[in-house]
């Protein structure tokens, strides 16, 4: 039988410098942002006697700011703030849509973008949108800031490449080169709300001269241990005019990019079939 929740040593820095110094001095401390996942584990007695690094008071890591060539989102910015932010809705609407699908309204008001990434769940609702927007993650330690391409952050289920002394401080969103001709965000779950996704997808499509594909970006989450861009599909359609034969081939190529998993929420066969349907519908729109 697991122990009941006990006392908790809480470190509460108020500045970014204090946060990274505290983490360096207490490397076994568990960083906490919104706490929506951590408190579940603590209530189960799984975090007894582990110190906690409460980042909620680090004001400099909250909010959306203009940055060279894009926006910089503080790691402590909540899903609700991103869902409703005018510039996010205008320039990065798929991220706003994804944040509106995260859990319940209560979770959206507490959960943070940095905590979502650090948690590294395969079913992270924001991940496909961040993948197609080619976001960059800022990881800060006492030695400075390391900028990591979003897709390179994940090392497996609930695993990241962050080292022991690094904390996510911000997410960088580069502005798109031009407005896409088509966009898509889809979440498929058991229910229409408050459900962990079986599949989550995001896509951007640009058309050029003669309506040929200038660029396609398409990503799938909750399909594999980490979020995946469909590189084979993207390469297949690049520079070519979409038609029934090309769309059919591209849809078949999806199996080269992602190897769906079986788990308690769904089967690999279902995930692949539904993701192909989403891709087909998007390309044929």
Foldseek 3Di string as FASTA:
>chain_A
DADAQDDEAEAEDQAPLSLLVVCVVQLQAAEDQLCPPVVVCRRVNNCHPHYHYYDPNHVQQADWDDDVQFIKHRQNYFLVCLLPPPVCCVQQVLLNVLSVQPADPVRRVRDGNQVLLLQQALQRSNLQSLVLLQKWWWKQHNVGTDIHGSQQQADFHRHGPDDSSIGTTIITGGGDPDAFPFKDWDFDFPDSHRGRGCKIKIKGWHADPPRQTQWIWIWMGNFGRHIWTLVVLGVQRHRGHDDDVSLVVSLVSSCVTTQGPDDPGHHNVVRSVVVSVVSSVRSVD
